[in-house]
Amino acid sequence: MNPPLPPALSAIKIKRPWGSLRDTLLICFGICSAGVGLKGFLIPNHFIDGGVTGLSMLLSKSTGVPLPLLILLINAPFLFAGYQLVARSFAFKSLAAVIGLALLLLTVDFPSITDDKLLTAVFGGFFLGAGIGLSIRGGCVLDGTEILALLLSKRTTLTIGDVILIINLVLFLGAAFLLGAEPAMYSVLTYLTASKTIDFIINGIEEYTGVTIVSVHSNTMRQAILTQLGRAVTIYKGQRGFSGEEVDILYCVVTRLEVQRLKMLITDLDPGAFIIMHSINDTSGGMIKKRPLSH
């Protein structure tokens, strides 16, 4: 059984033909944003990012090999692996995106926007993360790190998250040795900013939360969620483990902006209700983004 795709790769869906133009625009904007982050912030101030992009930047600084060439060479085997593990269209689009980024870095001169280290770390990470996130939304990747993590997880006992953590740990230790402790620490901040930006671009502000509710007032609570929150509810038939009493278990999906309102609603109706919450990467269909019809 194959391991699950990393969050970034799992966000890449099979597209319909009418989405090709949108995908192309997203990838182009992603390439431009990543180019601004690299040449406008990180490269002039000798900061790096995590993953394959960061490795390319570190090798470029230590060996003098041009960064665009290293980005192409280091990503190439991982894109080939993506051809086998994900999809042919994904691999070809990713190859085109990586080539586009390399050509942009090679031919376009961006002015150095700031020499402030904190601003460089934050905004360099933001633009680079936005570029990677937009490319993922367009159906490809600009960085082969997660493909590498998926490949190694199939051949070891490590999880995908463990592999990514180890890769970046080794990378930033190498940066501390070659660039110094302070640039390495700022590079970690760059990586964290880029990671959060990627998450935001992929999931958006409406990140979903699944909520399971066990309450003796399940019928009243169901009506309140439908009418006051405008969210659909699924009912599971359950049985209490201690008493054997039958109970209706409610399940609904809300955005993270609605979580607190739902918790207050549940507390008002039944302070003793049992609630379980978990994050959801994506949803499709149902009544997630529209209010149910009034009865």
Protein backbone atom coordinates (compact mmCIF):
# COMPACT_ATOMS: atom_id res chain seq x y z
CA MET A 1 0.00 0.00 0.00
CA ASN A 2 1.42 3.38 -1.01
CA PRO A 3 1.87 6.04 1.69
CA PRO A 4 -0.42 9.08 1.56
CA LEU A 5 0.71 12.06 -0.46
CA PRO A 6 2.23 15.00 1.43
CA PRO A 7 -0.24 17.85 2.13
CA ALA A 8 1.14 19.96 -0.71
CA LEU A 9 0.90 17.13 -3.26
CA SER A 10 -2.52 16.03 -2.03
CA ALA A 11 -3.75 19.55 -2.77
CA ILE A 12 -3.04 18.97 -6.46
CA LYS A 13 -6.24 17.72 -8.09
CA ILE A 14 -7.01 16.47 -11.56
CA LYS A 15 -8.11 19.53 -13.55
CA ARG A 16 -10.76 19.89 -16.21
CA PRO A 17 -9.83 21.46 -19.57
CA TRP A 18 -11.51 24.78 -18.71
CA GLY A 19 -9.11 25.12 -15.80
CA SER A 20 -5.97 25.09 -17.95
CA LEU A 21 -5.83 28.87 -18.37
CA ARG A 22 -6.33 29.41 -14.65
CA ASP A 23 -3.60 26.87 -13.88
CA THR A 24 -1.21 28.59 -16.27
CA LEU A 25 -1.86 31.99 -14.69
CA LEU A 26 -1.40 30.61 -11.18
CA ILE A 27 1.89 28.98 -12.14
CA CYS A 28 3.14 32.17 -13.86
CA PHE A 29 2.25 34.30 -10.85
CA GLY A 30 3.90 31.69 -8.63
CA ILE A 31 7.13 31.80 -10.64
CA CYS A 32 7.20 35.62 -10.48
CA SER A 33 6.49 35.66 -6.74
CA ALA A 34 9.22 33.09 -6.04
CA GLY A 35 11.61 35.11 -8.20
CA VAL A 36 10.91 38.26 -6.18
CA GLY A 37 11.47 36.38 -2.93
CA LEU A 38 14.76 34.92 -4.09
CA LYS A 39 16.40 37.78 -6.00
CA GLY A 40 14.71 40.68 -4.22
CA PHE A 41 15.27 39.46 -0.65
CA LEU A 42 17.09 36.20 0.05
CA ILE A 43 20.00 36.02 -2.40
CA PRO A 44 21.33 39.59 -1.84
CA ASN A 45 21.26 39.05 1.95
CA HIS A 46 22.75 35.51 1.86
CA PHE A 47 19.71 33.80 3.39
CA ILE A 48 18.39 30.42 2.30
CA ASP A 49 15.09 28.58 2.47
CA GLY A 50 14.43 24.94 3.32
CA GLY A 51 14.07 22.02 0.95
CA VAL A 52 15.53 21.64 -2.52
CA THR A 53 15.48 25.40 -3.13
CA GLY A 54 17.48 26.00 0.05
CA LEU A 55 19.92 23.23 -0.83
CA SER A 56 20.44 24.77 -4.27
CA MET A 57 21.09 28.19 -2.70
CA LEU A 58 23.53 26.73 -0.17
CA LEU A 59 25.48 24.82 -2.83
CA SER A 60 25.53 27.87 -5.07
CA LYS A 61 27.06 29.99 -2.29
CA SER A 62 29.66 27.35 -1.40
CA THR A 63 30.64 26.20 -4.91
CA GLY A 64 29.96 29.21 -7.12
CA VAL A 65 27.76 27.20 -9.51
CA PRO A 66 24.90 29.40 -10.82
CA LEU A 67 21.71 29.00 -8.81
CA PRO A 68 19.38 28.53 -11.84
CA LEU A 69 21.48 25.57 -13.02
CA LEU A 70 21.46 23.95 -9.57
CA ILE A 71 17.69 24.40 -9.23
CA LEU A 72 17.24 22.52 -12.52
CA LEU A 73 19.77 19.77 -11.77
CA ILE A 74 18.70 19.03 -8.19
CA ASN A 75 14.97 19.10 -8.96
CA ALA A 76 15.31 16.89 -12.06
CA PRO A 77 15.46 13.46 -10.34
CA PHE A 78 12.59 14.36 -8.02
CA LEU A 79 10.42 15.47 -10.94
CA PHE A 80 11.16 12.14 -12.59
CA ALA A 81 10.03 10.43 -9.38
CA GLY A 82 6.90 12.61 -9.46
CA TYR A 83 6.22 11.28 -12.95
CA GLN A 84 6.03 7.79 -11.48
CA LEU A 85 4.44 8.53 -8.10
CA VAL A 86 1.90 11.28 -8.87
CA ALA A 87 0.99 11.82 -12.54
CA ARG A 88 2.50 12.50 -15.95
CA SER A 89 0.80 15.90 -16.29
CA PHE A 90 2.05 16.88 -12.83
CA ALA A 91 5.64 16.06 -13.75
CA PHE A 92 5.55 17.93 -17.07
CA LYS A 93 3.94 21.02 -15.54
CA SER A 94 6.43 20.96 -12.66
CA LEU A 95 9.33 20.67 -15.10
CA ALA A 96 8.01 23.64 -17.07
CA ALA A 97 7.58 25.65 -13.85
CA VAL A 98 11.11 24.87 -12.61
CA ILE A 99 12.56 25.81 -16.01
CA GLY A 100 10.52 29.03 -15.93
CA LEU A 101 11.88 29.90 -12.48
CA ALA A 102 15.44 29.15 -13.57
CA LEU A 103 15.07 31.36 -16.67
CA LEU A 104 13.57 34.15 -14.58
CA LEU A 105 16.48 34.05 -12.14
CA LEU A 106 18.93 33.96 -15.04
CA THR A 107 17.51 36.77 -17.16
CA VAL A 108 15.61 39.21 -14.92
CA ASP A 109 17.40 41.59 -12.59
CA PHE A 110 15.41 42.35 -9.43
CA PRO A 111 16.58 45.23 -7.25
CA SER A 112 17.51 44.37 -3.67
CA ILE A 113 14.45 45.59 -1.78
CA THR A 114 15.88 45.80 1.75
CA ASP A 115 18.98 44.93 3.71
CA ASP A 116 17.12 44.65 7.02
CA LYS A 117 17.60 41.05 8.14
CA LEU A 118 14.24 40.61 9.81
CA LEU A 119 12.33 42.09 6.87
CA THR A 120 14.35 39.93 4.50
CA ALA A 121 13.53 36.75 6.41
CA VAL A 122 9.82 37.53 6.74
CA PHE A 123 9.05 38.97 3.31
CA GLY A 124 11.51 36.79 1.44
CA GLY A 125 9.83 33.76 2.98
CA PHE A 126 6.41 35.21 2.23
CA PHE A 127 7.04 35.80 -1.50
CA LEU A 128 8.81 32.47 -1.93
CA GLY A 129 6.08 30.60 -0.04
CA ALA A 130 3.38 32.40 -2.04
CA GLY A 131 5.12 31.37 -5.25
CA ILE A 132 5.30 27.72 -4.22
CA GLY A 133 1.69 27.78 -2.96
CA LEU A 134 0.33 29.35 -6.16
CA SER A 135 2.19 26.77 -8.23
CA ILE A 136 0.66 23.98 -6.17
CA ARG A 137 -2.78 25.49 -6.74
CA GLY A 138 -1.93 25.41 -10.44
CA GLY A 139 -1.14 21.70 -10.33
CA CYS A 140 2.66 21.52 -10.00
CA VAL A 141 5.56 22.18 -7.64
CA LEU A 142 8.57 24.50 -7.72
CA ASP A 143 10.43 22.49 -5.08
CA GLY A 144 10.89 18.72 -5.12
CA THR A 145 11.29 18.28 -1.35
CA GLU A 146 7.96 16.58 -0.75
CA ILE A 147 8.46 14.25 -3.72
CA LEU A 148 11.78 13.25 -2.13
CA ALA A 149 10.04 12.76 1.22
CA LEU A 150 7.38 10.58 -0.39
CA LEU A 151 10.06 8.52 -2.14
CA LEU A 152 12.12 7.97 1.02
CA SER A 153 9.07 7.16 3.16
CA LYS A 154 8.31 4.22 0.86
CA ARG A 155 11.79 2.78 1.43
CA THR A 156 12.23 3.45 5.15
CA THR A 157 10.18 3.35 8.34
CA LEU A 158 10.15 7.16 8.51
CA THR A 159 7.00 9.15 7.86
CA ILE A 160 6.85 11.92 5.25
CA GLY A 161 6.94 14.55 8.01
CA ASP A 162 9.99 12.89 9.58
CA VAL A 163 11.86 12.95 6.26
CA ILE A 164 11.10 16.64 5.63
CA LEU A 165 12.19 17.49 9.18
CA ILE A 166 15.49 15.59 8.83
CA ILE A 167 16.23 17.15 5.42
CA ASN A 168 15.73 20.66 6.74
CA LEU A 169 17.60 19.96 9.97
CA VAL A 170 20.68 18.80 8.02
CA LEU A 171 20.31 21.72 5.62
CA PHE A 172 20.20 24.39 8.33
CA LEU A 173 23.08 22.80 10.23
CA GLY A 174 25.07 23.00 7.02
CA ALA A 175 24.02 26.62 6.63
CA ALA A 176 25.21 27.38 10.16
CA PHE A 177 28.59 25.84 9.33
CA LEU A 178 29.03 27.56 5.95
CA LEU A 179 27.23 30.87 6.42
CA GLY A 180 27.42 31.39 10.18
CA ALA A 181 24.95 30.96 13.03
CA GLU A 182 23.07 34.23 12.54
CA PRO A 183 22.25 33.79 8.82
CA ALA A 184 21.24 30.20 9.56
CA MET A 185 18.80 31.32 12.27
CA TYR A 186 17.30 33.93 9.98
CA SER A 187 17.04 31.24 7.31
CA VAL A 188 15.00 29.11 9.72
CA LEU A 189 12.66 32.09 10.14
CA THR A 190 12.46 32.38 6.36
CA TYR A 191 11.54 28.71 6.09
CA LEU A 192 8.83 28.98 8.77
CA THR A 193 7.33 32.05 7.07
CA ALA A 194 7.35 30.31 3.70
CA SER A 195 5.72 27.18 5.18
CA LYS A 196 2.87 29.14 6.79
CA THR A 197 2.33 31.09 3.58
CA ILE A 198 2.12 27.87 1.57
CA ASP A 199 -0.47 26.51 4.02
CA PHE A 200 -2.50 29.71 3.76
CA ILE A 201 -2.38 29.78 -0.06
CA ILE A 202 -3.46 26.13 -0.30
CA ASN A 203 -6.11 26.07 2.43
CA GLY A 204 -7.15 29.73 2.46
CA ILE A 205 -8.76 31.51 5.36
CA GLU A 206 -11.63 29.02 5.31
CA GLU A 207 -9.67 26.10 6.72
CA TYR A 208 -12.22 23.52 7.77
CA THR A 209 -12.76 21.82 11.10
CA GLY A 210 -14.74 18.63 11.58
CA VAL A 211 -16.79 18.58 14.80
CA THR A 212 -18.30 15.47 16.40
CA ILE A 213 -20.90 16.12 19.11
CA VAL A 214 -22.39 13.62 21.57
CA SER A 215 -25.30 15.12 23.53
CA VAL A 216 -28.58 14.08 25.10
CA HIS A 217 -30.11 17.13 23.40
CA SER A 218 -28.97 16.10 19.94
CA ASN A 219 -32.23 16.92 18.17
CA THR A 220 -32.37 20.48 19.57
CA MET A 221 -28.68 20.94 18.79
CA ARG A 222 -29.15 19.69 15.24
CA GLN A 223 -31.92 22.23 14.62
CA ALA A 224 -29.81 25.05 16.09
CA ILE A 225 -26.81 24.24 13.89
CA LEU A 226 -29.02 24.11 10.80
CA THR A 227 -30.90 27.32 11.48
CA GLN A 228 -28.44 29.52 13.41
CA LEU A 229 -25.15 28.49 11.79
CA GLY A 230 -26.54 27.46 8.42
CA ARG A 231 -24.44 24.29 8.37
CA ALA A 232 -25.45 20.80 7.37
CA VAL A 233 -25.36 18.03 9.98
CA THR A 234 -24.86 14.29 9.61
CA ILE A 235 -26.37 11.98 12.26
CA TYR A 236 -24.70 8.73 13.32
CA LYS A 237 -26.58 6.18 15.38
CA GLY A 238 -24.44 5.24 18.38
CA GLN A 239 -24.57 3.52 21.74
CA ARG A 240 -23.02 4.61 25.02
CA GLY A 241 -20.32 2.21 26.12
CA PHE A 242 -21.17 2.23 29.85
CA SER A 243 -24.97 2.33 29.94
CA GLY A 244 -25.74 0.82 26.53
CA GLU A 245 -28.16 3.69 25.89
CA GLU A 246 -28.69 4.59 22.24
CA VAL A 247 -27.61 8.10 21.26
CA ASP A 248 -27.54 10.27 18.14
CA ILE A 249 -23.99 11.47 17.29
CA LEU A 250 -23.86 14.71 15.30
CA TYR A 251 -21.12 15.54 12.84
CA CYS A 252 -20.69 18.85 11.02
CA VAL A 253 -17.97 20.75 9.20
CA VAL A 254 -17.36 24.45 9.83
CA THR A 255 -14.68 26.98 8.94
CA ARG A 256 -12.18 27.92 11.60
CA LEU A 257 -13.87 31.32 11.86
CA GLU A 258 -17.06 29.59 12.97
CA VAL A 259 -15.54 27.20 15.51
CA GLN A 260 -15.93 29.52 18.49
CA ARG A 261 -19.53 30.36 17.59
CA LEU A 262 -20.35 26.65 17.33
CA LYS A 263 -18.72 25.94 20.72
CA MET A 264 -20.77 28.71 22.35
CA LEU A 265 -23.95 27.34 20.77
CA ILE A 266 -23.22 23.83 22.05
CA THR A 267 -22.38 25.11 25.55
CA ASP A 268 -25.63 27.09 25.73
CA LEU A 269 -27.72 24.06 24.77
CA ASP A 270 -25.81 21.39 26.68
CA PRO A 271 -22.80 22.30 28.87
CA GLY A 272 -22.09 18.59 29.36
CA ALA A 273 -21.90 17.73 25.66
CA PHE A 274 -18.87 15.75 24.50
CA ILE A 275 -17.08 17.48 21.58
CA ILE A 276 -14.29 16.23 19.32
CA MET A 277 -12.64 18.56 16.78
CA HIS A 278 -10.10 17.84 14.06
CA SER A 279 -8.64 19.78 11.14
CA ILE A 280 -9.68 19.00 7.56
CA ASN A 281 -7.42 19.77 4.61
CA ASP A 282 -10.17 20.06 2.01
CA THR A 283 -13.87 19.43 1.38
CA SER A 284 -16.00 18.91 -1.69
CA GLY A 285 -19.73 18.87 -2.32
CA GLY A 286 -22.44 18.95 0.31
CA MET A 287 -23.50 22.24 1.88
CA ILE A 288 -20.14 23.51 3.14
CA LYS A 289 -20.15 26.80 1.29
CA LYS A 290 -23.85 27.57 1.15
CA ARG A 291 -26.67 27.84 3.63
CA PRO A 292 -29.28 25.08 3.70
CA LEU A 293 -32.74 25.85 2.40
CA SER A 294 -35.23 27.17 4.92
CA HIS A 295 -38.01 24.81 5.90
